[in-house]
Amino acid sequence: MLKIVPRPVWILLTMLSASAALASLILTPWLNLDPCHLCIFQRLLFMLMALLATAAALAESPGGSRLAVQASGLGLLALAAVGAGVAAYQSWLQFQPVDTVSCVGGQLGPIERLVEWLGQQAPSLFLASGFCEDRELVILGLSLANWAFFLFVLTLAVTAWTLWRGRRSPRANLL
C-alpha cells in the first residue's frame, strides 16, 4: 500500500502553485501578452495557494498543529475549486466562435473590481489589459486558461487526497 508523507506533498503543491504564478509573471512581458481580469485573478489564486501550501508544509513539521494543516489544506481546496471554475469559464469563452461572447460587460463584477483595485496598487503584478476570450498563447493546442484549469484540478485532487489520507492515518505513522 502506498504510504504518503504529507510534508513533501505540501512542498510539491507550493512549488506547483508558485511556478504557475511565476510563469505568468515572466511570460507576460517576455511574450508581450495582455492578461485579462480572469487571468490576473487566476494568478492571484496561484499566489495564495502557494502561501497556503507553504503554511501546511510548515505546520506538518514536528511540533506543528494538525488543525493548522487542515485549515491550510481546506483553504487550498477552496481556492483550487474557485480557480478551476474561473479557468473553466475562461476556457469556455475561448472556445466560442470569434466575436460572439465577451467577458467585458457594463458592470464590473466582484472579480473585476478586485483585479482593478489590485492593478492600481501593484500594476506590474495585477494590471489587466486584455480580453478573456482571446487565446494569445497556445501551447500544445491548449490556451493558458486550459493549462490553468488542469493545474487547479490537479491541486484540488492532490489536496483532497492528502487531507483524506492524513485524516485516516495517525500522524506518527506519516513520518
N, C-alpha and C. Protein backbone atom coordinates (compact mmCIF):
# COMPACT_ATOMS: atom_id res chain seq x y z
N MET A 1 0.84 -1.18 0.00
CA MET A 1 0.00 0.00 0.00
C MET A 1 0.89 1.25 0.00
N LEU A 2 0.50 2.23 -0.78
CA LEU A 2 1.26 3.47 -0.89
C LEU A 2 1.18 4.24 0.41
N LYS A 3 2.32 4.61 0.94
CA LYS A 3 2.37 5.39 2.17
C LYS A 3 2.69 6.83 1.81
N ILE A 4 1.84 7.74 2.21
CA ILE A 4 2.03 9.14 1.87
C ILE A 4 2.70 9.88 3.03
N VAL A 5 3.62 10.73 2.70
CA VAL A 5 4.24 11.61 3.67
C VAL A 5 3.79 13.02 3.29
N PRO A 6 2.86 13.61 4.05
CA PRO A 6 2.22 14.86 3.63
C PRO A 6 3.16 16.05 3.41
N ARG A 7 4.18 16.21 4.22
CA ARG A 7 5.02 17.39 4.08
C ARG A 7 5.60 17.54 2.68
N PRO A 8 6.19 16.50 2.08
CA PRO A 8 6.67 16.65 0.69
C PRO A 8 5.55 16.96 -0.30
N VAL A 9 4.35 16.47 -0.03
CA VAL A 9 3.23 16.77 -0.93
C VAL A 9 2.89 18.26 -0.85
N TRP A 10 2.86 18.81 0.37
CA TRP A 10 2.58 20.24 0.51
C TRP A 10 3.68 21.07 -0.16
N ILE A 11 4.93 20.62 -0.03
CA ILE A 11 6.04 21.33 -0.68
C ILE A 11 5.89 21.26 -2.20
N LEU A 12 5.50 20.11 -2.71
CA LEU A 12 5.27 19.97 -4.15
C LEU A 12 4.14 20.89 -4.61
N LEU A 13 3.07 20.98 -3.83
CA LEU A 13 1.97 21.88 -4.18
C LEU A 13 2.41 23.35 -4.10
N THR A 14 3.27 23.66 -3.16
CA THR A 14 3.82 25.02 -3.09
C THR A 14 4.59 25.34 -4.37
N MET A 15 5.46 24.41 -4.77
CA MET A 15 6.28 24.63 -5.97
C MET A 15 5.40 24.72 -7.22
N LEU A 16 4.37 23.88 -7.32
CA LEU A 16 3.48 23.90 -8.47
C LEU A 16 2.76 25.24 -8.57
N SER A 17 2.18 25.69 -7.46
CA SER A 17 1.43 26.95 -7.47
C SER A 17 2.35 28.14 -7.70
N ALA A 18 3.49 28.16 -7.02
CA ALA A 18 4.44 29.26 -7.19
C ALA A 18 4.98 29.29 -8.62
N SER A 19 5.22 28.13 -9.20
CA SER A 19 5.71 28.06 -10.58
C SER A 19 4.68 28.59 -11.56
N ALA A 20 3.41 28.27 -11.34
CA ALA A 20 2.36 28.78 -12.23
C ALA A 20 2.28 30.30 -12.15
N ALA A 21 2.33 30.84 -10.92
CA ALA A 21 2.28 32.30 -10.75
C ALA A 21 3.52 32.95 -11.38
N LEU A 22 4.68 32.37 -11.12
CA LEU A 22 5.92 32.92 -11.65
C LEU A 22 5.96 32.85 -13.18
N ALA A 23 5.49 31.75 -13.73
CA ALA A 23 5.45 31.62 -15.19
C ALA A 23 4.57 32.70 -15.81
N SER A 24 3.42 32.98 -15.18
CA SER A 24 2.55 34.02 -15.73
C SER A 24 3.21 35.39 -15.64
N LEU A 25 3.96 35.62 -14.56
CA LEU A 25 4.66 36.90 -14.41
C LEU A 25 5.80 37.05 -15.42
N ILE A 26 6.46 35.97 -15.75
CA ILE A 26 7.59 36.02 -16.69
C ILE A 26 7.09 36.07 -18.14
N LEU A 27 6.10 35.23 -18.46
CA LEU A 27 5.62 35.16 -19.84
C LEU A 27 4.93 36.44 -20.30
N THR A 28 4.26 37.14 -19.38
CA THR A 28 3.51 38.34 -19.77
C THR A 28 4.38 39.39 -20.45
N PRO A 29 5.45 39.87 -19.81
CA PRO A 29 6.27 40.87 -20.52
C PRO A 29 7.15 40.26 -21.61
N TRP A 30 7.62 39.03 -21.39
CA TRP A 30 8.53 38.40 -22.35
C TRP A 30 7.87 38.19 -23.70
N LEU A 31 6.61 37.73 -23.69
CA LEU A 31 5.89 37.47 -24.94
C LEU A 31 4.90 38.58 -25.28
N ASN A 32 4.96 39.67 -24.52
CA ASN A 32 4.10 40.82 -24.76
C ASN A 32 2.62 40.43 -24.73
N LEU A 33 2.23 39.66 -23.72
CA LEU A 33 0.85 39.21 -23.57
C LEU A 33 0.03 40.27 -22.85
N ASP A 34 -1.26 40.26 -23.11
CA ASP A 34 -2.20 41.16 -22.45
C ASP A 34 -3.14 40.33 -21.58
N PRO A 35 -2.82 40.18 -20.29
CA PRO A 35 -3.67 39.36 -19.43
C PRO A 35 -5.01 40.05 -19.14
N CYS A 36 -6.04 39.25 -19.05
CA CYS A 36 -7.37 39.77 -18.76
C CYS A 36 -7.64 39.71 -17.26
N HIS A 37 -8.83 40.16 -16.86
CA HIS A 37 -9.21 40.12 -15.44
C HIS A 37 -9.18 38.68 -14.89
N LEU A 38 -9.68 37.75 -15.68
CA LEU A 38 -9.71 36.36 -15.21
C LEU A 38 -8.30 35.78 -15.11
N CYS A 39 -7.42 36.15 -16.04
CA CYS A 39 -6.02 35.70 -15.99
C CYS A 39 -5.34 36.21 -14.73
N ILE A 40 -5.53 37.49 -14.45
CA ILE A 40 -4.92 38.10 -13.27
C ILE A 40 -5.49 37.48 -12.00
N PHE A 41 -6.79 37.22 -11.98
CA PHE A 41 -7.41 36.59 -10.80
C PHE A 41 -6.84 35.20 -10.58
N GLN A 42 -6.63 34.45 -11.66
CA GLN A 42 -6.03 33.12 -11.53
C GLN A 42 -4.59 33.22 -11.03
N ARG A 43 -3.86 34.23 -11.48
CA ARG A 43 -2.50 34.47 -10.99
C ARG A 43 -2.53 34.70 -9.48
N LEU A 44 -3.47 35.53 -9.03
CA LEU A 44 -3.63 35.80 -7.60
C LEU A 44 -3.95 34.52 -6.83
N LEU A 45 -4.83 33.69 -7.38
CA LEU A 45 -5.18 32.44 -6.72
C LEU A 45 -3.96 31.53 -6.60
N PHE A 46 -3.15 31.43 -7.65
CA PHE A 46 -1.93 30.62 -7.57
C PHE A 46 -0.99 31.14 -6.49
N MET A 47 -0.87 32.46 -6.37
CA MET A 47 -0.02 33.04 -5.33
C MET A 47 -0.53 32.67 -3.94
N LEU A 48 -1.83 32.83 -3.73
CA LEU A 48 -2.43 32.49 -2.44
C LEU A 48 -2.33 31.00 -2.14
N MET A 49 -2.49 30.18 -3.18
CA MET A 49 -2.38 28.73 -3.00
C MET A 49 -0.95 28.36 -2.59
N ALA A 50 0.04 29.03 -3.15
CA ALA A 50 1.44 28.76 -2.77
C ALA A 50 1.65 29.09 -1.29
N LEU A 51 1.05 30.18 -0.84
CA LEU A 51 1.17 30.55 0.58
C LEU A 51 0.50 29.52 1.49
N LEU A 52 -0.69 29.08 1.12
CA LEU A 52 -1.40 28.09 1.94
C LEU A 52 -0.70 26.74 1.95
N ALA A 53 -0.17 26.33 0.82
CA ALA A 53 0.57 25.06 0.78
C ALA A 53 1.84 25.15 1.61
N THR A 54 2.48 26.31 1.60
CA THR A 54 3.66 26.52 2.44
C THR A 54 3.28 26.46 3.91
N ALA A 55 2.17 27.09 4.26
CA ALA A 55 1.70 27.04 5.65
C ALA A 55 1.40 25.61 6.08
N ALA A 56 0.82 24.82 5.21
CA ALA A 56 0.54 23.41 5.53
C ALA A 56 1.84 22.64 5.71
N ALA A 57 2.83 22.89 4.86
CA ALA A 57 4.12 22.21 4.98
C ALA A 57 4.81 22.57 6.29
N LEU A 58 4.75 23.83 6.66
CA LEU A 58 5.36 24.27 7.92
C LEU A 58 4.63 23.67 9.12
N ALA A 59 3.31 23.61 9.04
CA ALA A 59 2.52 23.05 10.14
C ALA A 59 2.71 21.54 10.25
N GLU A 60 3.12 20.89 9.18
CA GLU A 60 3.36 19.44 9.16
C GLU A 60 4.66 19.08 9.87
N SER A 61 5.51 20.08 10.14
CA SER A 61 6.79 19.80 10.79
C SER A 61 6.56 19.38 12.25
N PRO A 62 7.57 18.76 12.86
CA PRO A 62 7.42 18.35 14.26
C PRO A 62 7.04 19.54 15.14
N GLY A 63 6.07 19.34 15.98
CA GLY A 63 5.57 20.41 16.84
C GLY A 63 4.52 21.27 16.17
N GLY A 64 4.23 20.99 14.91
CA GLY A 64 3.22 21.76 14.18
C GLY A 64 1.82 21.35 14.59
N SER A 65 0.88 22.16 14.24
CA SER A 65 -0.52 21.94 14.61
C SER A 65 -1.27 21.21 13.50
N ARG A 66 -1.91 20.11 13.85
CA ARG A 66 -2.74 19.36 12.89
C ARG A 66 -3.90 20.22 12.41
N LEU A 67 -4.43 21.05 13.31
CA LEU A 67 -5.52 21.96 12.94
C LEU A 67 -5.05 22.97 11.89
N ALA A 68 -3.82 23.46 12.03
CA ALA A 68 -3.27 24.40 11.05
C ALA A 68 -3.10 23.74 9.69
N VAL A 69 -2.68 22.47 9.69
CA VAL A 69 -2.55 21.72 8.44
C VAL A 69 -3.91 21.60 7.77
N GLN A 70 -4.91 21.21 8.55
CA GLN A 70 -6.25 21.02 7.99
C GLN A 70 -6.84 22.34 7.51
N ALA A 71 -6.65 23.42 8.28
CA ALA A 71 -7.18 24.72 7.87
C ALA A 71 -6.51 25.19 6.58
N SER A 72 -5.19 25.05 6.51
CA SER A 72 -4.47 25.44 5.29
C SER A 72 -4.91 24.59 4.11
N GLY A 73 -5.04 23.28 4.35
CA GLY A 73 -5.48 22.37 3.29
C GLY A 73 -6.88 22.68 2.80
N LEU A 74 -7.79 22.97 3.72
CA LEU A 74 -9.16 23.31 3.32
C LEU A 74 -9.20 24.63 2.55
N GLY A 75 -8.38 25.59 2.97
CA GLY A 75 -8.28 26.85 2.22
C GLY A 75 -7.73 26.61 0.82
N LEU A 76 -6.74 25.75 0.74
CA LEU A 76 -6.16 25.39 -0.56
C LEU A 76 -7.21 24.71 -1.45
N LEU A 77 -7.99 23.82 -0.84
CA LEU A 77 -9.08 23.16 -1.59
C LEU A 77 -10.05 24.20 -2.15
N ALA A 78 -10.45 25.14 -1.31
CA ALA A 78 -11.42 26.15 -1.73
C ALA A 78 -10.86 27.01 -2.87
N LEU A 79 -9.61 27.47 -2.73
CA LEU A 79 -9.01 28.30 -3.79
C LEU A 79 -8.86 27.52 -5.09
N ALA A 80 -8.46 26.25 -5.00
CA ALA A 80 -8.31 25.44 -6.21
C ALA A 80 -9.66 25.22 -6.89
N ALA A 81 -10.71 25.04 -6.09
CA ALA A 81 -12.05 24.87 -6.67
C ALA A 81 -12.51 26.15 -7.37
N VAL A 82 -12.30 27.28 -6.73
CA VAL A 82 -12.66 28.56 -7.35
C VAL A 82 -11.84 28.76 -8.63
N GLY A 83 -10.55 28.48 -8.55
CA GLY A 83 -9.68 28.63 -9.72
C GLY A 83 -10.10 27.73 -10.86
N ALA A 84 -10.48 26.48 -10.55
CA ALA A 84 -10.93 25.57 -11.61
C ALA A 84 -12.19 26.11 -12.27
N GLY A 85 -13.09 26.66 -11.47
CA GLY A 85 -14.31 27.24 -12.03
C GLY A 85 -14.03 28.44 -12.92
N VAL A 86 -13.16 29.32 -12.47
CA VAL A 86 -12.80 30.51 -13.26
C VAL A 86 -12.09 30.11 -14.54
N ALA A 87 -11.14 29.19 -14.45
CA ALA A 87 -10.40 28.75 -15.64
C ALA A 87 -11.32 28.02 -16.61
N ALA A 88 -12.27 27.24 -16.09
CA ALA A 88 -13.23 26.55 -16.96
C ALA A 88 -14.10 27.57 -17.69
N TYR A 89 -14.55 28.60 -16.98
CA TYR A 89 -15.36 29.64 -17.61
C TYR A 89 -14.57 30.37 -18.69
N GLN A 90 -13.32 30.72 -18.38
CA GLN A 90 -12.50 31.40 -19.38
C GLN A 90 -12.23 30.48 -20.58
N SER A 91 -12.00 29.21 -20.32
CA SER A 91 -11.80 28.26 -21.42
C SER A 91 -13.06 28.18 -22.29
N TRP A 92 -14.22 28.16 -21.64
CA TRP A 92 -15.49 28.14 -22.39
C TRP A 92 -15.59 29.38 -23.27
N LEU A 93 -15.25 30.55 -22.71
CA LEU A 93 -15.29 31.79 -23.50
C LEU A 93 -14.37 31.68 -24.72
N GLN A 94 -13.20 31.07 -24.54
CA GLN A 94 -12.23 30.97 -25.63
C GLN A 94 -12.64 29.97 -26.69
N PHE A 95 -13.48 29.00 -26.34
CA PHE A 95 -13.92 28.01 -27.31
C PHE A 95 -15.12 28.47 -28.13
N GLN A 96 -15.70 29.62 -27.79
CA GLN A 96 -16.84 30.14 -28.54
C GLN A 96 -16.37 30.76 -29.85
N PRO A 97 -17.25 30.81 -30.85
CA PRO A 97 -16.86 31.46 -32.11
C PRO A 97 -16.44 32.91 -31.87
N VAL A 98 -15.48 33.37 -32.65
CA VAL A 98 -14.94 34.72 -32.51
C VAL A 98 -16.05 35.76 -32.58
N ASP A 99 -15.97 36.75 -31.72
CA ASP A 99 -16.89 37.89 -31.66
C ASP A 99 -18.32 37.51 -31.28
N THR A 100 -18.53 36.38 -30.62
CA THR A 100 -19.89 36.02 -30.20
C THR A 100 -20.10 36.24 -28.70
N VAL A 101 -19.03 36.13 -27.90
CA VAL A 101 -19.13 36.37 -26.47
C VAL A 101 -17.94 37.22 -26.02
N SER A 102 -18.12 37.85 -24.88
CA SER A 102 -17.03 38.65 -24.33
C SER A 102 -17.16 38.68 -22.81
N CYS A 103 -16.03 38.83 -22.15
CA CYS A 103 -16.05 38.95 -20.70
C CYS A 103 -16.28 40.40 -20.29
N VAL A 104 -16.23 41.31 -21.25
CA VAL A 104 -16.41 42.72 -20.96
C VAL A 104 -17.90 43.02 -20.91
N GLY A 105 -18.32 43.62 -19.82
CA GLY A 105 -19.73 43.97 -19.68
C GLY A 105 -19.86 45.39 -19.15
N GLY A 106 -21.09 45.82 -18.98
CA GLY A 106 -21.35 47.17 -18.49
C GLY A 106 -20.94 47.34 -17.04
N GLN A 107 -21.30 46.39 -16.21
CA GLN A 107 -20.99 46.46 -14.79
C GLN A 107 -19.83 45.54 -14.46
N LEU A 108 -18.92 46.03 -13.63
CA LEU A 108 -17.82 45.19 -13.18
C LEU A 108 -18.32 44.26 -12.08
N GLY A 109 -17.97 43.00 -12.19
CA GLY A 109 -18.32 42.04 -11.15
C GLY A 109 -17.29 42.07 -10.04
N PRO A 110 -17.46 41.22 -9.03
CA PRO A 110 -16.52 41.23 -7.90
C PRO A 110 -15.08 40.89 -8.30
N ILE A 111 -14.91 39.95 -9.22
CA ILE A 111 -13.55 39.61 -9.66
C ILE A 111 -12.91 40.80 -10.36
N GLU A 112 -13.64 41.41 -11.25
CA GLU A 112 -13.10 42.55 -11.99
C GLU A 112 -12.78 43.72 -11.07
N ARG A 113 -13.67 43.98 -10.09
CA ARG A 113 -13.41 45.08 -9.14
C ARG A 113 -12.15 44.81 -8.33
N LEU A 114 -11.99 43.57 -7.87
CA LEU A 114 -10.79 43.20 -7.10
C LEU A 114 -9.54 43.37 -7.95
N VAL A 115 -9.59 42.87 -9.18
CA VAL A 115 -8.42 42.96 -10.07
C VAL A 115 -8.12 44.42 -10.41
N GLU A 116 -9.14 45.22 -10.63
CA GLU A 116 -8.92 46.65 -10.91
C GLU A 116 -8.24 47.32 -9.72
N TRP A 117 -8.70 47.03 -8.50
CA TRP A 117 -8.10 47.61 -7.31
C TRP A 117 -6.65 47.15 -7.15
N LEU A 118 -6.41 45.84 -7.32
CA LEU A 118 -5.05 45.31 -7.23
C LEU A 118 -4.15 45.92 -8.30
N GLY A 119 -4.70 46.11 -9.50
CA GLY A 119 -3.94 46.72 -10.59
C GLY A 119 -3.51 48.14 -10.28
N GLN A 120 -4.33 48.86 -9.51
CA GLN A 120 -3.95 50.21 -9.08
C GLN A 120 -2.86 50.17 -8.01
N GLN A 121 -2.88 49.14 -7.18
CA GLN A 121 -1.90 49.02 -6.10
C GLN A 121 -0.55 48.51 -6.61
N ALA A 122 -0.57 47.51 -7.48
CA ALA A 122 0.66 46.90 -7.99
C ALA A 122 0.48 46.57 -9.47
N PRO A 123 0.61 47.56 -10.35
CA PRO A 123 0.37 47.34 -11.78
C PRO A 123 1.26 46.27 -12.41
N SER A 124 2.49 46.16 -11.98
CA SER A 124 3.38 45.17 -12.59
C SER A 124 2.93 43.73 -12.31
N LEU A 125 2.15 43.54 -11.26
CA LEU A 125 1.65 42.20 -10.92
C LEU A 125 0.22 41.96 -11.38
N PHE A 126 -0.62 43.00 -11.31
CA PHE A 126 -2.06 42.77 -11.43
C PHE A 126 -2.80 43.63 -12.45
N LEU A 127 -2.11 44.30 -13.35
CA LEU A 127 -2.80 45.14 -14.32
C LEU A 127 -3.41 44.30 -15.44
N ALA A 128 -4.72 44.38 -15.58
CA ALA A 128 -5.42 43.65 -16.63
C ALA A 128 -5.55 44.54 -17.86
N SER A 129 -5.12 44.02 -19.02
CA SER A 129 -5.15 44.82 -20.23
C SER A 129 -5.71 44.07 -21.44
N GLY A 130 -6.14 42.83 -21.24
CA GLY A 130 -6.61 42.02 -22.36
C GLY A 130 -8.05 41.59 -22.21
N PHE A 131 -8.47 40.74 -23.12
CA PHE A 131 -9.84 40.22 -23.13
C PHE A 131 -9.82 38.72 -22.85
N CYS A 132 -10.76 38.28 -22.05
CA CYS A 132 -10.79 36.88 -21.58
C CYS A 132 -10.98 35.88 -22.71
N GLU A 133 -11.64 36.29 -23.77
CA GLU A 133 -11.93 35.35 -24.85
C GLU A 133 -10.75 35.18 -25.83
N ASP A 134 -9.72 36.02 -25.69
CA ASP A 134 -8.54 35.91 -26.56
C ASP A 134 -7.64 34.76 -26.12
N ARG A 135 -7.18 34.01 -27.10
CA ARG A 135 -6.22 32.91 -26.84
C ARG A 135 -4.87 33.36 -27.37
N GLU A 136 -4.23 34.24 -26.63
CA GLU A 136 -2.98 34.82 -27.10
C GLU A 136 -1.85 33.81 -27.20
N LEU A 137 -1.76 32.91 -26.26
CA LEU A 137 -0.68 31.94 -26.25
C LEU A 137 -1.28 30.54 -26.17
N VAL A 138 -0.92 29.71 -27.13
CA VAL A 138 -1.39 28.33 -27.18
C VAL A 138 -0.15 27.42 -27.14
N ILE A 139 -0.15 26.50 -26.16
CA ILE A 139 0.94 25.55 -26.00
C ILE A 139 0.37 24.15 -26.13
N LEU A 140 0.86 23.40 -27.10
CA LEU A 140 0.36 22.04 -27.37
C LEU A 140 -1.16 22.02 -27.57
N GLY A 141 -1.65 23.04 -28.24
CA GLY A 141 -3.07 23.11 -28.56
C GLY A 141 -3.96 23.63 -27.45
N LEU A 142 -3.38 23.99 -26.30
CA LEU A 142 -4.17 24.47 -25.17
C LEU A 142 -3.77 25.89 -24.80
N SER A 143 -4.78 26.70 -24.48
CA SER A 143 -4.51 28.07 -24.04
C SER A 143 -4.01 28.05 -22.60
N LEU A 144 -3.52 29.19 -22.15
CA LEU A 144 -3.06 29.28 -20.77
C LEU A 144 -4.21 29.03 -19.79
N ALA A 145 -5.42 29.43 -20.15
CA ALA A 145 -6.58 29.15 -19.29
C ALA A 145 -6.83 27.65 -19.19
N ASN A 146 -6.66 26.94 -20.30
CA ASN A 146 -6.81 25.47 -20.28
C ASN A 146 -5.78 24.83 -19.38
N TRP A 147 -4.52 25.27 -19.48
CA TRP A 147 -3.45 24.74 -18.64
C TRP A 147 -3.73 25.07 -17.17
N ALA A 148 -4.19 26.29 -16.90
CA ALA A 148 -4.50 26.67 -15.52
C ALA A 148 -5.60 25.77 -14.96
N PHE A 149 -6.61 25.47 -15.79
CA PHE A 149 -7.68 24.58 -15.35
C PHE A 149 -7.10 23.24 -14.89
N PHE A 150 -6.21 22.67 -15.68
CA PHE A 150 -5.61 21.38 -15.32
C PHE A 150 -4.79 21.49 -14.03
N LEU A 151 -4.06 22.58 -13.85
CA LEU A 151 -3.29 22.76 -12.63
C LEU A 151 -4.19 22.92 -11.40
N PHE A 152 -5.29 23.67 -11.56
CA PHE A 152 -6.23 23.82 -10.45
C PHE A 152 -6.87 22.48 -10.09
N VAL A 153 -7.28 21.72 -11.10
CA VAL A 153 -7.90 20.41 -10.83
C VAL A 153 -6.89 19.45 -10.21
N LEU A 154 -5.66 19.47 -10.69
CA LEU A 154 -4.62 18.63 -10.11
C LEU A 154 -4.40 18.99 -8.64
N THR A 155 -4.31 20.28 -8.36
CA THR A 155 -4.13 20.73 -6.98
C THR A 155 -5.32 20.33 -6.12
N LEU A 156 -6.50 20.46 -6.66
CA LEU A 156 -7.72 20.07 -5.94
C LEU A 156 -7.68 18.59 -5.59
N ALA A 157 -7.35 17.77 -6.55
CA ALA A 157 -7.32 16.31 -6.34
C ALA A 157 -6.23 15.91 -5.34
N VAL A 158 -5.03 16.44 -5.52
CA VAL A 158 -3.91 16.07 -4.63
C VAL A 158 -4.18 16.57 -3.21
N THR A 159 -4.72 17.77 -3.07
CA THR A 159 -5.01 18.31 -1.74
C THR A 159 -6.10 17.48 -1.06
N ALA A 160 -7.16 17.17 -1.78
CA ALA A 160 -8.24 16.36 -1.19
C ALA A 160 -7.71 15.00 -0.77
N TRP A 161 -6.91 14.39 -1.62
CA TRP A 161 -6.35 13.07 -1.31
C TRP A 161 -5.43 13.15 -0.09
N THR A 162 -4.59 14.18 -0.03
CA THR A 162 -3.66 14.34 1.09
C THR A 162 -4.42 14.56 2.40
N LEU A 163 -5.43 15.41 2.37
CA LEU A 163 -6.22 15.64 3.58
C LEU A 163 -6.95 14.37 4.00
N TRP A 164 -7.49 13.65 3.04
CA TRP A 164 -8.21 12.41 3.34
C TRP A 164 -7.26 11.38 3.93
N ARG A 165 -6.09 11.22 3.32
CA ARG A 165 -5.10 10.26 3.83
C ARG A 165 -4.60 10.67 5.22
N GLY A 166 -4.40 11.98 5.42
CA GLY A 166 -3.95 12.47 6.72
C GLY A 166 -4.99 12.25 7.81
N ARG A 167 -6.26 12.29 7.44
CA ARG A 167 -7.35 12.08 8.39
C ARG A 167 -7.43 10.63 8.79
N ARG A 168 -7.12 9.74 7.86
CA ARG A 168 -7.24 8.29 8.10
C ARG A 168 -6.06 7.73 8.88
N SER A 169 -4.91 8.38 8.80
CA SER A 169 -3.71 7.83 9.43
C SER A 169 -3.30 8.68 10.63
N PRO A 170 -2.89 8.06 11.69
CA PRO A 170 -2.34 8.84 12.79
C PRO A 170 -1.06 9.54 12.34
N ARG A 171 -0.81 10.68 12.91
CA ARG A 171 0.34 11.48 12.50
C ARG A 171 1.66 10.71 12.65
N ALA A 172 1.77 9.92 13.69
CA ALA A 172 3.02 9.19 13.92
C ALA A 172 3.33 8.22 12.77
N ASN A 173 2.32 7.68 12.13
CA ASN A 173 2.53 6.75 11.03
C ASN A 173 2.92 7.46 9.74
N LEU A 174 2.72 8.75 9.67
CA LEU A 174 3.01 9.50 8.46
C LEU A 174 4.46 9.97 8.39
N LEU A 175 5.15 9.94 9.49
CA LEU A 175 6.53 10.44 9.50
C LEU A 175 7.46 9.41 9.07
